[in-house]
Amino acid sequence: MLDVLGDDGAQINPQLVRRLKYLHDPHALWFARAEMVAVLSQLHGEALAVHRVQSLSPVFAGLVPKSLIESSRLRTR
């Protein structure tokens, strides 16, 4: 997640970087994706931000309920 956020995203929101480093619960990390989209949208626009954050979804397979992953796909179609 930190790689997707990148250095520019870290500069915009250092609090998010700290949270991502210390959140060890997959559910908490899953829900931090919304804040990542907000930060990345400032840098790259919403479409690219959503695409980059959605690219993380396979990492969460088996860690969060399948319904969460499926619902995130449905919203972007």
N, C-alpha and C. Protein backbone atom coordinates (compact mmCIF):
# COMPACT_ATOMS: atom_id res chain seq x y z
N MET A 1 0.83 -1.18 0.00
CA MET A 1 0.00 0.00 0.00
C MET A 1 0.87 1.25 0.00
N LEU A 2 1.97 1.18 0.71
CA LEU A 2 2.88 2.33 0.74
C LEU A 2 3.50 2.57 -0.63
N ASP A 3 3.78 1.50 -1.36
CA ASP A 3 4.32 1.66 -2.71
C ASP A 3 3.32 2.36 -3.63
N VAL A 4 2.06 1.98 -3.51
CA VAL A 4 1.02 2.60 -4.34
C VAL A 4 0.86 4.07 -3.96
N LEU A 5 0.94 4.37 -2.68
CA LEU A 5 0.81 5.75 -2.22
C LEU A 5 1.97 6.59 -2.75
N GLY A 6 3.17 6.03 -2.74
CA GLY A 6 4.34 6.72 -3.28
C GLY A 6 4.84 7.86 -2.42
N ASP A 7 5.96 8.41 -2.83
CA ASP A 7 6.58 9.51 -2.08
C ASP A 7 5.73 10.77 -2.09
N ASP A 8 5.12 11.07 -3.23
CA ASP A 8 4.30 12.28 -3.31
C ASP A 8 3.07 12.16 -2.42
N GLY A 9 2.46 11.00 -2.41
CA GLY A 9 1.30 10.77 -1.53
C GLY A 9 1.69 10.85 -0.07
N ALA A 10 2.87 10.34 0.25
CA ALA A 10 3.36 10.40 1.62
C ALA A 10 3.58 11.84 2.07
N GLN A 11 4.02 12.69 1.15
CA GLN A 11 4.23 14.09 1.50
C GLN A 11 2.90 14.80 1.75
N ILE A 12 1.89 14.45 0.96
CA ILE A 12 0.58 15.08 1.13
C ILE A 12 -0.08 14.66 2.43
N ASN A 13 0.08 13.38 2.80
CA ASN A 13 -0.62 12.88 3.98
C ASN A 13 0.30 11.96 4.80
N PRO A 14 1.22 12.54 5.57
CA PRO A 14 2.13 11.72 6.37
C PRO A 14 1.40 10.93 7.46
N GLN A 15 0.24 11.41 7.89
CA GLN A 15 -0.53 10.67 8.90
C GLN A 15 -1.00 9.33 8.34
N LEU A 16 -1.39 9.31 7.07
CA LEU A 16 -1.81 8.07 6.44
C LEU A 16 -0.64 7.09 6.37
N VAL A 17 0.54 7.57 6.08
CA VAL A 17 1.72 6.71 6.02
C VAL A 17 1.93 6.06 7.39
N ARG A 18 1.84 6.84 8.44
CA ARG A 18 2.01 6.28 9.80
C ARG A 18 0.96 5.22 10.08
N ARG A 19 -0.29 5.51 9.73
CA ARG A 19 -1.36 4.53 9.95
C ARG A 19 -1.09 3.25 9.19
N LEU A 20 -0.71 3.36 7.93
CA LEU A 20 -0.47 2.17 7.12
C LEU A 20 0.68 1.34 7.68
N LYS A 21 1.67 1.99 8.24
CA LYS A 21 2.80 1.26 8.80
C LYS A 21 2.42 0.47 10.06
N TYR A 22 1.45 0.97 10.81
CA TYR A 22 1.14 0.34 12.09
C TYR A 22 -0.18 -0.42 12.12
N LEU A 23 -0.97 -0.34 11.07
CA LEU A 23 -2.19 -1.14 11.00
C LEU A 23 -1.81 -2.55 10.59
N HIS A 24 -2.14 -3.50 11.42
CA HIS A 24 -1.81 -4.89 11.10
C HIS A 24 -3.04 -5.74 10.87
N ASP A 25 -4.19 -5.15 10.99
CA ASP A 25 -5.45 -5.84 10.77
C ASP A 25 -5.85 -5.65 9.31
N PRO A 26 -6.05 -6.74 8.57
CA PRO A 26 -6.42 -6.60 7.16
C PRO A 26 -7.68 -5.76 6.94
N HIS A 27 -8.63 -5.85 7.86
CA HIS A 27 -9.86 -5.07 7.71
C HIS A 27 -9.56 -3.57 7.81
N ALA A 28 -8.73 -3.20 8.75
CA ALA A 28 -8.37 -1.78 8.91
C ALA A 28 -7.63 -1.28 7.68
N LEU A 29 -6.73 -2.11 7.15
CA LEU A 29 -6.02 -1.73 5.94
C LEU A 29 -6.98 -1.61 4.76
N TRP A 30 -7.93 -2.53 4.68
CA TRP A 30 -8.92 -2.48 3.60
C TRP A 30 -9.65 -1.14 3.61
N PHE A 31 -10.10 -0.71 4.78
CA PHE A 31 -10.87 0.51 4.87
C PHE A 31 -10.00 1.76 4.74
N ALA A 32 -8.69 1.64 4.86
CA ALA A 32 -7.78 2.77 4.63
C ALA A 32 -7.66 3.07 3.15
N ARG A 33 -8.13 2.17 2.31
CA ARG A 33 -8.06 2.38 0.86
C ARG A 33 -8.82 3.63 0.43
N ALA A 34 -9.91 3.94 1.11
CA ALA A 34 -10.69 5.13 0.76
C ALA A 34 -9.85 6.40 0.94
N GLU A 35 -9.10 6.45 2.02
CA GLU A 35 -8.23 7.60 2.25
C GLU A 35 -7.10 7.64 1.21
N MET A 36 -6.63 6.48 0.80
CA MET A 36 -5.61 6.44 -0.24
C MET A 36 -6.15 6.99 -1.55
N VAL A 37 -7.39 6.65 -1.89
CA VAL A 37 -7.99 7.18 -3.11
C VAL A 37 -8.05 8.70 -3.04
N ALA A 38 -8.43 9.23 -1.90
CA ALA A 38 -8.53 10.68 -1.75
C ALA A 38 -7.17 11.35 -1.97
N VAL A 39 -6.13 10.79 -1.40
CA VAL A 39 -4.79 11.37 -1.55
C VAL A 39 -4.31 11.24 -3.00
N LEU A 40 -4.45 10.04 -3.55
CA LEU A 40 -3.99 9.82 -4.92
C LEU A 40 -4.80 10.62 -5.94
N SER A 41 -6.06 10.90 -5.64
CA SER A 41 -6.88 11.71 -6.54
C SER A 41 -6.32 13.12 -6.67
N GLN A 42 -5.79 13.64 -5.60
CA GLN A 42 -5.19 14.97 -5.64
C GLN A 42 -3.98 14.99 -6.59
N LEU A 43 -3.28 13.88 -6.65
CA LEU A 43 -2.07 13.81 -7.47
C LEU A 43 -2.32 13.40 -8.91
N HIS A 44 -3.23 12.43 -9.10
CA HIS A 44 -3.34 11.79 -10.40
C HIS A 44 -4.74 11.81 -11.00
N GLY A 45 -5.71 12.36 -10.29
CA GLY A 45 -7.09 12.30 -10.74
C GLY A 45 -7.77 11.06 -10.19
N GLU A 46 -9.10 11.12 -10.13
CA GLU A 46 -9.85 10.05 -9.48
C GLU A 46 -9.77 8.72 -10.20
N ALA A 47 -9.86 8.73 -11.52
CA ALA A 47 -9.87 7.46 -12.26
C ALA A 47 -8.59 6.66 -12.02
N LEU A 48 -7.45 7.31 -12.12
CA LEU A 48 -6.18 6.61 -11.92
C LEU A 48 -6.03 6.20 -10.45
N ALA A 49 -6.47 7.05 -9.53
CA ALA A 49 -6.39 6.72 -8.11
C ALA A 49 -7.19 5.46 -7.80
N VAL A 50 -8.40 5.39 -8.30
CA VAL A 50 -9.24 4.22 -8.06
C VAL A 50 -8.60 2.99 -8.68
N HIS A 51 -8.08 3.12 -9.88
CA HIS A 51 -7.43 1.99 -10.55
C HIS A 51 -6.25 1.47 -9.72
N ARG A 52 -5.42 2.38 -9.25
CA ARG A 52 -4.24 1.97 -8.47
C ARG A 52 -4.63 1.28 -7.17
N VAL A 53 -5.61 1.83 -6.50
CA VAL A 53 -6.03 1.23 -5.22
C VAL A 53 -6.73 -0.11 -5.47
N GLN A 54 -7.50 -0.20 -6.53
CA GLN A 54 -8.15 -1.48 -6.82
C GLN A 54 -7.13 -2.54 -7.20
N SER A 55 -5.99 -2.15 -7.70
CA SER A 55 -4.96 -3.14 -8.04
C SER A 55 -4.47 -3.88 -6.79
N LEU A 56 -4.76 -3.34 -5.63
CA LEU A 56 -4.38 -3.98 -4.36
C LEU A 56 -5.36 -5.07 -3.92
N SER A 57 -6.52 -5.13 -4.53
CA SER A 57 -7.56 -6.06 -4.09
C SER A 57 -7.09 -7.51 -3.99
N PRO A 58 -6.31 -8.03 -4.93
CA PRO A 58 -5.87 -9.43 -4.80
C PRO A 58 -5.07 -9.70 -3.53
N VAL A 59 -4.40 -8.70 -3.01
CA VAL A 59 -3.63 -8.87 -1.77
C VAL A 59 -4.56 -9.23 -0.61
N PHE A 60 -5.78 -8.76 -0.66
CA PHE A 60 -6.73 -8.95 0.43
C PHE A 60 -7.55 -10.23 0.31
N ALA A 61 -7.38 -10.96 -0.80
CA ALA A 61 -8.14 -12.20 -0.99
C ALA A 61 -7.84 -13.17 0.16
N GLY A 62 -8.89 -13.63 0.78
CA GLY A 62 -8.76 -14.54 1.91
C GLY A 62 -8.55 -13.85 3.24
N LEU A 63 -8.34 -12.55 3.22
CA LEU A 63 -8.10 -11.80 4.46
C LEU A 63 -9.30 -10.98 4.89
N VAL A 64 -10.09 -10.55 3.92
CA VAL A 64 -11.33 -9.83 4.20
C VAL A 64 -12.46 -10.61 3.53
N PRO A 65 -13.69 -10.41 3.96
CA PRO A 65 -14.79 -11.13 3.33
C PRO A 65 -14.84 -10.91 1.82
N LYS A 66 -15.12 -11.97 1.12
CA LYS A 66 -15.20 -11.91 -0.34
C LYS A 66 -16.20 -10.86 -0.80
N SER A 67 -17.25 -10.64 -0.02
CA SER A 67 -18.26 -9.65 -0.39
C SER A 67 -17.68 -8.24 -0.46
N LEU A 68 -16.70 -7.92 0.38
CA LEU A 68 -16.07 -6.60 0.32
C LEU A 68 -15.30 -6.42 -0.99
N ILE A 69 -14.57 -7.45 -1.37
CA ILE A 69 -13.79 -7.37 -2.61
C ILE A 69 -14.72 -7.28 -3.81
N GLU A 70 -15.78 -8.07 -3.80
CA GLU A 70 -16.73 -8.05 -4.92
C GLU A 70 -17.46 -6.71 -5.01
N SER A 71 -17.83 -6.14 -3.87
CA SER A 71 -18.55 -4.87 -3.91
C SER A 71 -17.66 -3.74 -4.41
N SER A 72 -16.36 -3.82 -4.17
CA SER A 72 -15.47 -2.77 -4.68
C SER A 72 -15.36 -2.85 -6.19
N ARG A 73 -15.49 -4.03 -6.75
CA ARG A 73 -15.46 -4.18 -8.21
C ARG A 73 -16.75 -3.65 -8.83
N LEU A 74 -17.86 -3.87 -8.19
CA LEU A 74 -19.15 -3.47 -8.74
C LEU A 74 -19.28 -1.96 -8.87
N ARG A 75 -18.73 -1.23 -7.95
CA ARG A 75 -18.87 0.22 -7.94
C ARG A 75 -18.15 0.90 -9.10
N THR A 76 -17.18 0.25 -9.70
CA THR A 76 -16.39 0.92 -10.74
C THR A 76 -16.85 0.57 -12.14
N ARG A 77 -17.79 -0.30 -12.30
CA ARG A 77 -18.25 -0.67 -13.64
C ARG A 77 -19.15 0.35 -14.21
